[in-house]
Protein backbone atom coordinates (compact mmCIF):
# COMPACT_ATOMS: atom_id res chain seq x y z
CA MET A 1 -73.61 -0.50 -37.77
CA LYS A 2 -74.21 -3.01 -34.97
CA LEU A 3 -73.57 -6.76 -34.86
CA PHE A 4 -75.71 -8.74 -37.32
CA PRO A 5 -78.25 -11.10 -35.67
CA TYR A 6 -77.78 -14.65 -36.93
CA GLY A 7 -79.04 -18.17 -36.41
CA HIS A 8 -78.57 -21.67 -37.80
CA ALA A 9 -80.14 -25.07 -37.25
CA THR A 10 -80.64 -28.59 -38.54
CA HIS A 11 -83.82 -30.63 -38.17
CA PRO A 12 -85.61 -33.25 -40.31
CA GLN A 13 -88.64 -30.94 -40.40
CA TRP A 14 -87.95 -27.57 -41.95
CA ARG A 15 -90.58 -25.82 -39.82
CA MET A 16 -88.76 -26.88 -36.67
CA ALA A 17 -85.46 -25.62 -38.12
CA VAL A 18 -87.07 -22.25 -38.92
CA GLY A 19 -88.37 -22.07 -35.34
CA LEU A 20 -84.90 -22.71 -33.93
CA VAL A 21 -83.37 -20.08 -36.20
CA LEU A 22 -86.04 -17.52 -35.29
CA ALA A 23 -85.41 -18.08 -31.58
CA GLN A 24 -81.70 -17.32 -32.06
CA LEU A 25 -82.39 -14.25 -34.21
CA ARG A 26 -84.85 -12.79 -31.71
CA ALA A 27 -82.50 -13.46 -28.82
CA HIS A 28 -79.76 -11.54 -30.61
CA MET A 29 -82.09 -8.71 -31.62
CA ALA A 30 -82.96 -8.20 -27.94
CA LEU A 31 -79.31 -7.54 -27.04
CA ALA A 32 -77.97 -3.99 -27.09
CA GLN A 33 -74.89 -4.80 -29.18
CA TYR A 34 -76.96 -6.40 -31.98
CA ALA A 35 -79.16 -4.65 -34.53
CA SER A 36 -82.79 -4.62 -33.38
CA SER A 37 -84.59 -4.10 -36.70
CA PRO A 38 -82.34 -4.92 -39.68
CA LYS A 39 -83.90 -4.81 -43.15
CA LEU A 40 -81.70 -7.17 -45.18
CA GLY A 41 -81.71 -10.95 -44.62
CA LEU A 42 -79.27 -13.51 -46.03
CA LEU A 43 -80.67 -17.05 -46.21
CA TYR A 44 -78.76 -20.23 -47.09
CA ILE A 45 -80.25 -23.72 -47.04
CA THR A 46 -78.84 -27.16 -47.81
CA ASP A 47 -80.26 -28.98 -50.82
CA VAL A 48 -82.26 -31.29 -48.52
CA TYR A 49 -84.54 -28.30 -47.93
CA ALA A 50 -84.50 -27.12 -51.57
CA PRO A 51 -87.98 -28.47 -52.44
CA ASP A 52 -89.37 -26.44 -49.52
CA ALA A 53 -87.50 -23.22 -50.37
CA GLN A 54 -90.64 -21.21 -51.15
CA ASP A 55 -92.35 -22.21 -47.90
CA ILE A 56 -89.21 -21.52 -45.85
CA LEU A 57 -88.87 -18.02 -47.28
CA ALA A 58 -92.58 -17.32 -46.81
CA LEU A 59 -92.51 -18.35 -43.14
CA LEU A 60 -89.37 -16.32 -42.39
CA SER A 61 -90.88 -13.28 -44.11
CA GLN A 62 -94.09 -13.68 -42.12
CA GLU A 63 -92.31 -14.04 -38.79
CA LEU A 64 -89.81 -11.24 -39.48
CA PRO A 65 -91.90 -8.46 -41.06
CA GLU A 66 -89.18 -5.91 -40.29
CA VAL A 67 -86.92 -7.70 -42.80
CA THR A 68 -87.99 -6.31 -46.16
CA ASP A 69 -85.26 -7.71 -48.41
CA TRP A 70 -83.87 -11.23 -48.79
CA SER A 71 -81.02 -12.81 -50.73
CA GLY A 72 -79.34 -16.22 -50.64
CA SER A 73 -79.20 -19.64 -52.23
CA VAL A 74 -79.04 -23.38 -51.76
CA GLY A 75 -75.81 -25.36 -51.33
CA VAL A 76 -74.72 -28.98 -50.92
CA GLY A 77 -73.34 -27.57 -47.69
CA ILE A 78 -73.84 -24.34 -45.81
CA ALA A 79 -71.73 -22.41 -43.33
CA ALA A 80 -72.42 -20.72 -40.01
CA ASN A 81 -70.32 -19.48 -37.14
CA ASN A 82 -68.01 -22.38 -36.17
CA VAL A 83 -70.09 -25.06 -37.93
CA GLU A 84 -70.92 -26.44 -41.36
CA TYR A 85 -73.88 -28.55 -42.47
CA PHE A 86 -73.16 -31.16 -45.17
CA ASP A 87 -75.41 -33.99 -46.36
CA GLU A 88 -78.08 -33.06 -43.83
CA PRO A 89 -80.97 -30.60 -43.58
CA GLY A 90 -79.72 -27.21 -42.49
CA MET A 91 -80.28 -23.47 -42.77
CA SER A 92 -78.28 -20.41 -41.85
CA VAL A 93 -79.67 -16.86 -41.61
CA MET A 94 -78.02 -13.50 -40.94
CA LEU A 95 -79.79 -10.13 -40.74
CA CYS A 96 -77.56 -7.30 -41.94
CA ASP A 97 -77.63 -3.90 -40.26
CA VAL A 98 -77.34 -1.97 -43.52
CA SER A 99 -79.59 0.93 -44.48
CA PRO A 100 -81.86 0.21 -47.49
CA VAL A 101 -80.46 3.29 -49.24
CA ASN A 102 -77.05 1.59 -49.32
CA TYR A 103 -77.96 -1.70 -51.05
CA ARG A 104 -80.08 -3.16 -53.83
CA VAL A 105 -81.29 -6.75 -54.28
CA PHE A 106 -81.11 -7.91 -57.90
CA SER A 107 -81.92 -11.00 -59.95
CA GLY A 108 -82.14 -12.19 -63.53
CA VAL A 109 -85.53 -10.53 -63.99
CA ALA A 110 -84.49 -7.34 -62.18
CA PRO A 111 -80.85 -6.80 -63.19
CA LEU A 112 -78.42 -4.61 -61.30
CA SER A 113 -78.48 -1.01 -62.45
CA SER A 114 -77.07 2.25 -61.18
CA GLY A 115 -78.38 5.78 -61.12
CA ARG A 116 -78.29 8.98 -59.12
CA SER A 117 -79.95 7.38 -56.12
CA PHE A 118 -77.72 4.30 -55.99
CA VAL A 119 -74.24 3.57 -57.35
CA PRO A 120 -73.09 -0.06 -56.83
CA HIS A 121 -69.61 -0.36 -55.37
CA THR A 122 -69.43 -4.14 -54.86
CA ALA A 123 -71.88 -7.06 -54.77
CA LEU A 124 -72.60 -10.41 -53.16
CA LEU A 125 -73.35 -12.69 -56.10
CA HIS A 126 -75.08 -16.07 -56.48
CA ALA A 127 -74.96 -17.70 -59.93
CA ASP A 128 -76.37 -20.83 -61.55
CA ALA A 129 -73.57 -22.85 -63.18
CA SER A 130 -75.93 -23.94 -65.98
CA THR A 131 -76.38 -20.35 -67.14
CA PRO A 132 -74.74 -19.89 -70.58
CA ASP A 133 -71.51 -17.84 -70.47
CA VAL A 134 -71.77 -17.56 -66.69
CA ALA A 135 -68.11 -16.51 -66.30
CA ASP A 136 -68.58 -13.68 -68.79
CA LEU A 137 -71.77 -12.57 -67.02
CA ILE A 138 -69.91 -12.45 -63.69
CA ALA A 139 -67.17 -10.30 -65.21
CA GLU A 140 -69.74 -8.03 -66.88
CA LEU A 141 -71.60 -7.52 -63.61
CA ALA A 142 -68.36 -6.75 -61.79
CA GLN A 143 -67.61 -4.07 -64.35
CA ARG A 144 -70.89 -2.39 -63.42
CA THR A 145 -69.55 -1.76 -59.90
CA THR A 146 -67.19 1.09 -59.10
CA SER A 147 -64.71 -1.25 -57.36
CA GLY A 148 -64.77 -3.95 -60.05
CA TYR A 149 -64.99 -6.50 -57.23
CA VAL A 150 -67.79 -9.00 -56.61
CA PHE A 151 -67.82 -11.99 -54.27
CA GLY A 152 -69.96 -15.12 -53.90
CA GLY A 153 -70.26 -18.45 -55.66
CA LEU A 154 -71.99 -20.84 -58.03
CA VAL A 155 -75.08 -22.37 -56.47
CA SER A 156 -74.57 -26.08 -55.73
CA SER A 157 -77.34 -28.64 -55.27
CA ARG A 158 -78.21 -32.28 -55.92
CA SER A 159 -81.89 -31.31 -56.25
CA ASP A 160 -83.47 -27.92 -56.98
CA VAL A 161 -80.92 -25.19 -57.77
CA VAL A 162 -82.70 -22.24 -56.16
CA GLN A 163 -81.80 -18.66 -55.31
CA PHE A 164 -83.58 -16.13 -53.09
CA ALA A 165 -84.19 -12.51 -54.11
CA VAL A 166 -86.83 -10.33 -52.47
CA SER A 167 -86.88 -6.54 -52.76
CA SER A 168 -88.33 -3.99 -50.35
CA ASP A 169 -90.54 -2.84 -53.23
CA GLY A 170 -92.36 -6.16 -53.06
CA ASN A 171 -91.82 -8.72 -55.80
CA LEU A 172 -88.96 -7.75 -58.07
CA ALA A 173 -90.15 -6.45 -61.42
CA GLY A 174 -90.92 -9.30 -63.78
CA GLN A 175 -90.76 -12.13 -61.27
CA GLY A 176 -94.51 -12.74 -61.44
CA LYS A 177 -95.62 -15.34 -58.90
CA ALA A 178 -92.10 -16.53 -58.09
CA SER A 179 -92.35 -14.78 -54.68
CA GLY A 180 -88.61 -14.49 -54.26
CA VAL A 181 -87.42 -17.98 -55.26
CA PHE A 182 -85.62 -18.26 -58.60
CA VAL A 183 -83.99 -20.92 -60.76
CA GLY A 184 -81.18 -19.97 -63.17
CA GLY A 185 -79.27 -16.79 -63.87
CA LEU A 186 -77.61 -14.49 -61.36
CA SER A 187 -78.89 -12.82 -58.21
CA GLY A 188 -77.54 -11.12 -55.13
CA VAL A 189 -77.12 -7.84 -53.28
CA ALA A 190 -75.17 -4.82 -54.47
CA PHE A 191 -73.73 -2.42 -51.88
CA ASP A 192 -72.65 1.17 -52.34
CA ALA A 193 -69.37 2.67 -51.13
CA GLN A 194 -70.87 3.56 -47.73
CA VAL A 195 -70.93 -0.14 -46.74
CA ASN A 196 -67.44 -0.98 -45.54
CA MET A 197 -66.06 -4.49 -45.94
CA VAL A 198 -62.81 -6.43 -46.23
CA SER A 199 -62.58 -9.47 -48.53
CA ARG A 200 -59.84 -12.05 -49.08
CA VAL A 201 -59.39 -15.18 -51.22
CA THR A 202 -57.70 -18.30 -49.86
CA GLN A 203 -56.32 -20.95 -52.19
CA GLY A 204 -56.39 -24.68 -51.56
CA CYS A 205 -53.68 -25.93 -53.91
CA LEU A 206 -49.89 -26.06 -53.88
CA PRO A 207 -47.51 -25.88 -56.86
CA ILE A 208 -45.66 -29.10 -57.61
CA ALA A 209 -43.24 -27.60 -60.16
CA LYS A 210 -41.97 -24.25 -61.34
CA GLN A 211 -44.13 -21.72 -63.16
CA HIS A 212 -44.15 -22.00 -66.96
CA THR A 213 -45.06 -19.56 -69.72
CA ILE A 214 -47.53 -20.70 -72.37
CA THR A 215 -45.80 -20.08 -75.70
CA GLU A 216 -48.38 -21.72 -78.01
CA ALA A 217 -52.07 -22.27 -77.41
CA GLU A 218 -55.37 -22.81 -79.20
CA GLY A 219 -58.69 -22.49 -77.39
CA HIS A 220 -58.45 -24.76 -74.35
CA LEU A 221 -55.38 -26.53 -75.72
CA VAL A 222 -51.90 -25.77 -74.33
CA LYS A 223 -49.50 -26.74 -77.11
CA ALA A 224 -46.17 -25.43 -75.79
CA LEU A 225 -44.69 -24.34 -72.46
CA ASP A 226 -41.44 -22.37 -72.43
CA GLY A 227 -40.98 -23.35 -76.08
CA GLU A 228 -41.26 -27.10 -75.40
CA PRO A 229 -44.19 -29.43 -76.17
CA ALA A 230 -46.65 -29.05 -73.27
CA LEU A 231 -47.19 -32.79 -72.83
CA ALA A 232 -43.45 -33.39 -72.46
CA VAL A 233 -43.24 -30.68 -69.79
CA LEU A 234 -46.17 -32.24 -67.91
CA MET A 235 -44.54 -35.67 -68.01
CA ARG A 236 -41.27 -34.25 -66.70
CA ASP A 237 -42.89 -32.18 -63.93
CA LEU A 238 -44.87 -35.19 -62.71
CA ASN A 239 -41.97 -37.61 -63.26
CA ILE A 240 -44.17 -40.00 -65.23
CA SER A 241 -44.25 -41.63 -68.66
CA LEU A 242 -47.08 -42.73 -70.93
CA ASP A 243 -45.10 -45.92 -71.50
CA ASN A 244 -46.61 -46.95 -68.15
CA PRO A 245 -50.10 -45.49 -68.72
CA GLN A 246 -52.14 -46.56 -65.68
CA PRO A 247 -50.05 -44.93 -62.90
CA ALA A 248 -49.28 -42.02 -65.22
CA LEU A 249 -52.95 -41.23 -65.90
CA ALA A 250 -53.81 -41.64 -62.22
CA LYS A 251 -51.24 -38.97 -61.38
CA VAL A 252 -52.50 -36.69 -64.17
CA ARG A 253 -56.08 -36.98 -62.83
CA ALA A 254 -54.84 -35.75 -59.44
CA THR A 255 -53.10 -32.78 -61.05
CA LEU A 256 -54.59 -29.35 -61.72
CA VAL A 257 -53.28 -26.23 -63.43
CA GLY A 258 -52.94 -22.76 -61.96
CA LEU A 259 -53.35 -20.06 -64.59
CA THR A 260 -52.42 -16.39 -64.40
CA SER A 261 -52.22 -13.51 -66.84
CA PRO A 262 -48.82 -12.43 -68.23
CA ASP A 263 -48.55 -9.57 -65.71
CA ASP A 264 -49.32 -11.62 -62.59
CA ASN A 265 -47.04 -13.77 -60.49
CA ALA A 266 -48.66 -17.04 -59.42
CA VAL A 267 -46.62 -17.98 -56.37
CA ARG A 268 -45.96 -16.11 -53.14
CA THR A 269 -42.55 -16.14 -51.48
CA THR A 270 -44.00 -18.72 -49.06
CA GLY A 271 -44.51 -21.13 -51.97
CA GLU A 272 -48.33 -20.93 -51.91
CA PHE A 273 -50.54 -19.62 -54.69
CA ASP A 274 -51.50 -15.98 -54.77
CA ASP A 275 -55.20 -15.07 -55.15
CA VAL A 276 -54.74 -14.08 -58.81
CA VAL A 277 -54.38 -17.77 -59.73
CA LEU A 278 -57.31 -19.55 -61.40
CA VAL A 279 -57.13 -23.29 -60.67
CA ARG A 280 -58.62 -25.51 -63.37
CA HIS A 281 -58.79 -29.23 -64.23
CA ILE A 282 -56.74 -30.99 -66.88
CA ILE A 283 -59.45 -32.35 -69.17
CA GLY A 284 -57.41 -34.27 -71.72
CA LEU A 285 -54.08 -35.16 -73.29
CA ASP A 286 -53.30 -35.01 -77.00
CA PRO A 287 -50.26 -37.25 -77.72
CA ALA A 288 -50.48 -36.54 -81.46
CA ARG A 289 -49.94 -32.81 -80.95
CA GLN A 290 -48.05 -33.19 -77.66
CA ALA A 291 -50.64 -30.90 -76.07
CA VAL A 292 -52.57 -30.65 -72.79
CA ALA A 293 -56.23 -29.59 -72.67
CA VAL A 294 -57.42 -27.57 -69.67
CA ALA A 295 -60.85 -26.41 -68.51
CA HIS A 296 -60.25 -22.75 -69.33
CA PRO A 297 -59.44 -20.80 -72.50
CA VAL A 298 -55.70 -20.15 -72.73
CA GLU A 299 -53.48 -17.97 -74.86
CA ALA A 300 -49.79 -17.41 -75.41
CA GLY A 301 -48.13 -15.33 -72.71
CA MET A 302 -50.20 -16.67 -69.82
CA HIS A 303 -48.43 -18.42 -66.96
CA LEU A 304 -49.24 -22.05 -66.05
CA THR A 305 -48.21 -24.00 -62.96
CA PHE A 306 -49.05 -27.65 -62.37
CA CYS A 307 -50.45 -28.10 -58.87
CA GLN A 308 -52.35 -30.42 -56.54
CA ARG A 309 -54.89 -29.97 -53.77
CA ASN A 310 -53.11 -29.77 -50.44
CA ALA A 311 -54.89 -29.76 -47.08
CA ALA A 312 -51.94 -28.31 -45.16
CA ALA A 313 -51.56 -25.45 -47.64
CA ALA A 314 -55.32 -24.78 -47.54
CA ARG A 315 -55.25 -24.66 -43.73
CA SER A 316 -52.26 -22.32 -43.50
CA ASP A 317 -53.62 -20.04 -46.24
CA LEU A 318 -57.00 -19.78 -44.50
CA MET A 319 -55.22 -18.82 -41.29
CA ARG A 320 -53.22 -16.25 -43.26
CA ILE A 321 -56.26 -14.43 -44.67
CA GLY A 322 -57.90 -14.44 -41.23
CA ALA A 323 -54.78 -12.81 -39.79
CA GLU A 324 -54.72 -10.27 -42.63
CA ILE A 325 -58.32 -9.28 -41.93
CA ARG A 326 -57.64 -8.96 -38.22
CA GLU A 327 -54.61 -6.78 -38.85
CA ALA A 328 -56.55 -4.60 -41.28
CA LEU A 329 -59.27 -3.95 -38.69
CA GLU A 330 -57.26 -3.57 -35.50
CA PRO A 331 -56.11 -0.13 -34.36
CA GLU A 332 -52.56 0.87 -35.26
CA GLU A 333 -51.82 1.74 -31.63
CA MET A 334 -53.12 -0.19 -28.62
CA THR A 335 -52.39 -0.81 -24.98
CA ALA A 336 -51.02 -4.10 -23.71
CA ASP A 337 -54.39 -4.92 -22.13
CA LEU A 338 -56.19 -4.32 -25.43
CA ALA A 339 -53.67 -6.48 -27.31
CA ASP A 340 -54.23 -9.30 -24.80
CA ALA A 341 -58.01 -8.98 -25.21
CA LEU A 342 -57.81 -9.09 -28.99
CA ASN A 343 -55.58 -12.16 -28.90
CA ALA A 344 -57.76 -14.07 -26.44
CA PRO A 345 -58.42 -17.61 -27.82
CA ALA A 346 -62.17 -17.44 -27.23
CA GLN A 347 -64.53 -14.49 -27.03
CA LEU A 348 -68.28 -14.28 -26.55
CA ASN A 349 -68.32 -11.47 -29.09
CA PRO A 350 -65.61 -9.80 -31.16
CA HIS A 351 -63.85 -6.98 -29.38
CA PRO A 352 -65.17 -3.54 -30.47
CA ALA A 353 -61.67 -2.53 -31.57
CA ARG A 354 -61.81 -5.21 -34.24
CA ARG A 355 -64.86 -3.55 -35.83
CA MET A 356 -66.50 -6.67 -37.31
CA ALA A 357 -70.30 -6.68 -37.68
CA GLY A 358 -70.72 -9.90 -39.65
CA ALA A 359 -69.09 -12.14 -42.23
CA ILE A 360 -69.90 -14.20 -45.33
CA TYR A 361 -67.81 -17.25 -46.21
CA VAL A 362 -68.13 -19.04 -49.54
CA SER A 363 -65.97 -22.15 -49.90
CA CYS A 364 -65.57 -24.87 -52.50
CA ALA A 365 -67.85 -27.90 -52.14
CA GLY A 366 -64.67 -29.99 -52.51
CA ARG A 367 -63.22 -28.48 -49.33
CA GLY A 368 -65.18 -28.52 -46.07
CA GLY A 369 -64.45 -30.52 -42.93
CA PRO A 370 -63.22 -33.78 -44.48
CA HIS A 371 -60.54 -31.91 -46.46
CA PHE A 372 -59.40 -30.15 -43.28
CA GLY A 373 -59.40 -33.24 -41.08
CA HIS A 374 -62.80 -33.40 -39.38
CA PRO A 375 -66.34 -31.99 -39.68
CA SER A 376 -66.57 -28.19 -39.35
CA ALA A 377 -62.77 -27.86 -39.18
CA GLU A 378 -62.73 -25.19 -41.86
CA LEU A 379 -65.24 -22.98 -40.05
CA GLN A 380 -63.43 -23.54 -36.76
CA ILE A 381 -60.28 -22.12 -38.34
CA VAL A 382 -62.26 -19.06 -39.43
CA ARG A 383 -63.63 -18.59 -35.92
CA ARG A 384 -60.20 -18.86 -34.33
CA ALA A 385 -58.98 -16.20 -36.75
CA LEU A 386 -61.88 -13.74 -36.44
CA GLY A 387 -63.41 -14.46 -33.05
CA ASP A 388 -67.10 -15.10 -32.43
CA VAL A 389 -68.34 -13.12 -35.44
CA PRO A 390 -71.84 -13.55 -36.95
CA LEU A 391 -71.29 -15.58 -40.12
CA VAL A 392 -73.25 -17.29 -42.90
CA GLY A 393 -72.28 -18.79 -46.23
CA PHE A 394 -72.39 -21.85 -48.44
CA PHE A 395 -70.24 -24.42 -50.22
CA ALA A 396 -70.25 -23.64 -53.92
CA GLY A 397 -69.61 -25.28 -57.26
CA GLY A 398 -67.17 -22.45 -57.99
CA GLU A 399 -66.21 -19.38 -56.00
CA ILE A 400 -66.48 -15.78 -57.17
CA ALA A 401 -64.06 -12.99 -56.27
CA HIS A 402 -62.68 -9.96 -58.09
CA GLN A 403 -64.16 -10.55 -61.57
CA ASN A 404 -63.25 -14.21 -61.74
CA LEU A 405 -64.62 -17.68 -61.18
CA TYR A 406 -62.31 -19.72 -58.94
CA GLY A 407 -62.08 -23.37 -57.89
CA TYR A 408 -60.90 -25.05 -54.65
CA THR A 409 -60.82 -21.68 -52.89
CA GLY A 410 -62.55 -19.89 -50.03
CA VAL A 411 -63.77 -16.28 -50.17
CA LEU A 412 -64.10 -14.58 -46.78
CA THR A 413 -65.79 -11.17 -46.60
CA VAL A 414 -66.21 -9.20 -43.37
CA PHE A 415 -68.58 -6.25 -42.92
CA THR A 416 -66.92 -3.60 -40.79
CA THR A 417 -68.29 -0.94 -38.48
CA ASP A 418 -67.02 2.62 -38.09
CA ALA A 419 -63.75 3.03 -36.26
């Protein structure tokens, strides 16, 4: 597996943006360290280009006939190596050096299946938030993989909510004249166990009080925490009172809940959330029953921690997962010269010892540059952690990892080459 050719661009005219991207892709494909004829393309566009999605895909397919399969989606923002595009026209493309026998493109009209010729191990997943029971569908699809792990996000757009899915067999069965552009449902690419990758989840929130155990619940309603009325616990943790409602409600609106199953611990020794935590909004207070309503079904025995978004915690946690991926891919033994090369602050390409071919980053639409201090700051942190690795991705309405739907997180997945 060689480096994945990639390109990204912004331009008021989508044809000009495609031309700029194609120039970058072809330049990479002409270099010895990059794949020269990859078959799988990942395409992400901002919602400014969403009305032109069909034409964009058609032109890319025409100009890159060697690419037989496509997957991707639209986002309010998209990611590329060291840069993000928000509130502007933009597209990001990466061509993956993966053999067609090791992956399958799927969509709502051509669902993921396994057989003797292909056994899905994991999957890149794009999902429409308006799809009924979308969280259950994500979990069900994950259970159809041998690893039980899928990664991706909910498609986000202020215009057309489109997804891309083109198979090497031509149009996917049942898609009719859609020609690879879909609205609704789930789509993506499944990979078998021969495709090596490392994936990590980074949280963007910080606990503001100790972890509690839900001792009474009904649907989305938390009635009791540690045997006390849930509303009273919330008031105490936030140091507020409903006797002074305006400042109290303002503080509640800025507060989220981190939920974990009875067997999971929410908080690391560093004080940050672990990746098993599902962060959800508080959607209401019930003074009559002294209860707190949250945007997720709850049951007795689950753990709940009140938390808030925290830019410093998000930054340090993103740096942590980057370091974890680097450590996982670097050789156990190395010379001093090799260690210096791997730790160099800037590299034209990732060092071969790091074994990275390409990366996909899906982050929350509520994160991005402004949350990290300035435009593209989030992607610059990723680049400092990984080096100059080919990367694409998008900013989602909810992030997917393991079998769960997250919020305010980032999911970083790196494709790795042989040692």
